[in-house]
Amino acid sequence: MAASDERSVERKIRRERRAFPRHAVDAHTKMLLVNTGILMPGRVLDLSLGGCKIRTEEPFNVGIFVRVEAEFCVQGLAFRIAGVTQAIFDKNTLGVRFLDMSQRRREQLAELIAEIAEATALASVSAATDGTAAAPSMP
């Protein structure tokens, strides 16, 4: 097996470790570092039932396993969810794993994610029939 084929298989295996699929979004966020009270603005780049990826405006130099609260609004639904930093991708991009989410909040998030997935699927079908690449339109 070629080295590039092995890397491709490794990436697929790594991707399959996720408990929940992530969906691309672009939403303003305010992330509160719970222990210090520091508020960091940024953007939510992707979202799942288990967490999200955030790109902060300022470098995030705190590290992993830091308690945070992420506040964001997607498709008119406002969320404030507690979590912990789980991964640092670069100086401004981090992964947050959600913690302590109520059943009601989890159901609201699941409904939002289902709407995002449906919009993405419809955009893909539309692009395939048009022969163009279109971004998903969200209500």
Protein backbone atom coordinates (compact mmCIF):
# COMPACT_ATOMS: atom_id res chain seq x y z
CA MET A 1 0.00 0.00 0.00
CA ALA A 2 1.37 3.42 -0.93
CA ALA A 3 2.14 5.94 1.80
CA SER A 4 -0.56 8.34 0.52
CA ASP A 5 -3.15 5.51 0.60
CA GLU A 6 -2.16 4.69 4.18
CA ARG A 7 -2.56 8.34 5.23
CA SER A 8 -5.99 8.44 3.57
CA VAL A 9 -7.08 5.32 5.49
CA GLU A 10 -5.71 6.82 8.74
CA ARG A 11 -7.68 10.05 8.17
CA LYS A 12 -10.89 8.08 7.55
CA ILE A 13 -10.34 6.06 10.72
CA ARG A 14 -9.67 9.25 12.69
CA ARG A 15 -12.83 10.89 11.29
CA GLU A 16 -14.95 7.88 12.26
CA ARG A 17 -13.96 8.29 15.93
CA ARG A 18 -16.39 11.20 16.29
CA ALA A 19 -19.53 10.32 18.17
CA PHE A 20 -21.49 13.01 16.30
CA PRO A 21 -21.06 14.37 12.77
CA ARG A 22 -20.03 18.02 12.51
CA HIS A 23 -21.86 20.50 10.31
CA ALA A 24 -20.39 23.69 8.89
CA VAL A 25 -21.84 26.92 10.28
CA ASP A 26 -20.68 30.50 10.49
CA ALA A 27 -21.98 32.23 13.59
CA HIS A 28 -20.66 34.94 15.88
CA THR A 29 -19.79 33.67 19.35
CA LYS A 30 -18.73 35.02 22.69
CA MET A 31 -16.71 32.44 24.59
CA LEU A 32 -16.35 32.95 28.33
CA LEU A 33 -13.34 31.43 30.08
CA VAL A 34 -15.10 30.38 33.26
CA ASN A 35 -12.17 30.48 35.71
CA THR A 36 -10.83 33.88 34.65
CA GLY A 37 -13.97 35.67 33.43
CA ILE A 38 -12.25 36.56 30.14
CA LEU A 39 -14.66 36.99 27.24
CA MET A 40 -13.29 36.03 23.82
CA PRO A 41 -15.24 36.92 20.66
CA GLY A 42 -14.97 34.70 17.61
CA ARG A 43 -16.85 32.54 15.11
CA VAL A 44 -18.36 29.07 15.42
CA LEU A 45 -17.05 27.19 12.36
CA ASP A 46 -18.76 23.85 12.85
CA LEU A 47 -21.27 22.33 15.21
CA SER A 48 -22.34 18.90 16.45
CA LEU A 49 -24.29 17.47 19.36
CA GLY A 50 -21.00 16.87 21.12
CA GLY A 51 -19.21 20.15 20.53
CA CYS A 52 -18.05 22.82 18.12
CA LYS A 53 -15.01 24.37 16.50
CA ILE A 54 -14.39 28.03 17.31
CA ARG A 55 -12.03 30.53 15.72
CA THR A 56 -11.24 33.33 18.17
CA GLU A 57 -10.39 36.90 17.13
CA GLU A 58 -7.39 36.97 19.49
CA PRO A 59 -4.91 34.12 20.00
CA PHE A 60 -6.11 31.44 22.40
CA ASN A 61 -3.10 30.74 24.60
CA VAL A 62 -4.80 28.96 27.49
CA GLY A 63 -4.62 25.29 26.40
CA ILE A 64 -6.92 22.30 26.64
CA PHE A 65 -9.29 21.19 29.40
CA VAL A 66 -10.29 24.78 30.18
CA ARG A 67 -13.94 25.30 31.21
CA VAL A 68 -15.76 27.64 28.83
CA GLU A 69 -19.27 28.82 28.01
CA ALA A 70 -19.98 29.42 24.34
CA GLU A 71 -22.81 31.79 23.46
CA PHE A 72 -23.95 31.86 19.82
CA CYS A 73 -27.02 32.21 17.60
CA VAL A 74 -27.67 30.03 14.55
CA GLN A 75 -30.79 30.37 12.38
CA GLY A 76 -32.42 32.57 15.01
CA LEU A 77 -31.88 30.10 17.85
CA ALA A 78 -29.71 31.37 20.71
CA PHE A 79 -27.52 28.95 22.63
CA ARG A 80 -25.32 29.25 25.70
CA ILE A 81 -23.60 25.94 26.32
CA ALA A 82 -20.96 24.97 28.87
CA GLY A 83 -17.98 23.00 27.67
CA VAL A 84 -14.29 22.31 27.90
CA THR A 85 -11.58 23.03 25.37
CA GLN A 86 -10.69 19.70 23.84
CA ALA A 87 -8.29 20.48 20.98
CA ILE A 88 -6.13 23.35 19.78
CA PHE A 89 -5.80 23.44 15.98
CA ASP A 90 -3.78 26.65 15.69
CA LYS A 91 -3.30 29.84 17.72
CA ASN A 92 -6.89 30.97 17.08
CA THR A 93 -8.84 27.75 16.43
CA LEU A 94 -9.99 25.31 19.09
CA GLY A 95 -12.42 22.49 19.62
CA VAL A 96 -14.92 22.63 22.46
CA ARG A 97 -16.62 19.54 23.90
CA PHE A 98 -20.05 20.34 25.34
CA LEU A 99 -20.76 19.43 28.96
CA ASP A 100 -23.76 19.47 31.29
CA MET A 101 -26.40 20.06 28.61
CA SER A 102 -30.04 19.72 29.66
CA GLN A 103 -32.27 17.31 27.75
CA ARG A 104 -34.33 20.23 26.42
CA ARG A 105 -31.22 22.08 25.19
CA ARG A 106 -29.88 18.86 23.60
CA GLU A 107 -33.19 18.39 21.74
CA GLN A 108 -33.10 22.01 20.49
CA LEU A 109 -29.53 21.56 19.29
CA ALA A 110 -30.42 18.24 17.60
CA GLU A 111 -33.32 19.93 15.79
CA LEU A 112 -31.06 22.76 14.61
CA ILE A 113 -28.42 20.31 13.39
CA ALA A 114 -31.08 18.32 11.51
CA GLU A 115 -32.16 21.55 9.76
CA ILE A 116 -28.55 22.36 8.85
CA ALA A 117 -28.01 18.82 7.49
CA GLU A 118 -31.22 19.03 5.44
CA ALA A 119 -30.27 22.43 3.99
CA THR A 120 -26.80 21.11 3.11
CA ALA A 121 -28.26 18.01 1.44
CA LEU A 122 -30.75 20.10 -0.57
CA ALA A 123 -27.98 22.45 -1.68
CA SER A 124 -25.86 19.46 -2.77
CA VAL A 125 -28.73 17.98 -4.80
CA SER A 126 -29.46 21.37 -6.34
CA ALA A 127 -25.80 21.88 -7.23
CA ALA A 128 -25.61 18.41 -8.77
CA THR A 129 -28.64 19.03 -10.98
CA ASP A 130 -27.54 22.57 -11.92
CA GLY A 131 -23.93 21.62 -12.38
CA THR A 132 -22.93 24.44 -10.04
CA ALA A 133 -21.49 24.44 -6.56
CA ALA A 134 -23.88 26.35 -4.30
CA ALA A 135 -23.65 27.11 -0.63
CA PRO A 136 -26.58 25.80 1.40
CA SER A 137 -29.32 28.34 1.99
CA MET A 138 -30.56 28.38 5.54
CA PRO A 139 -33.96 29.72 6.55
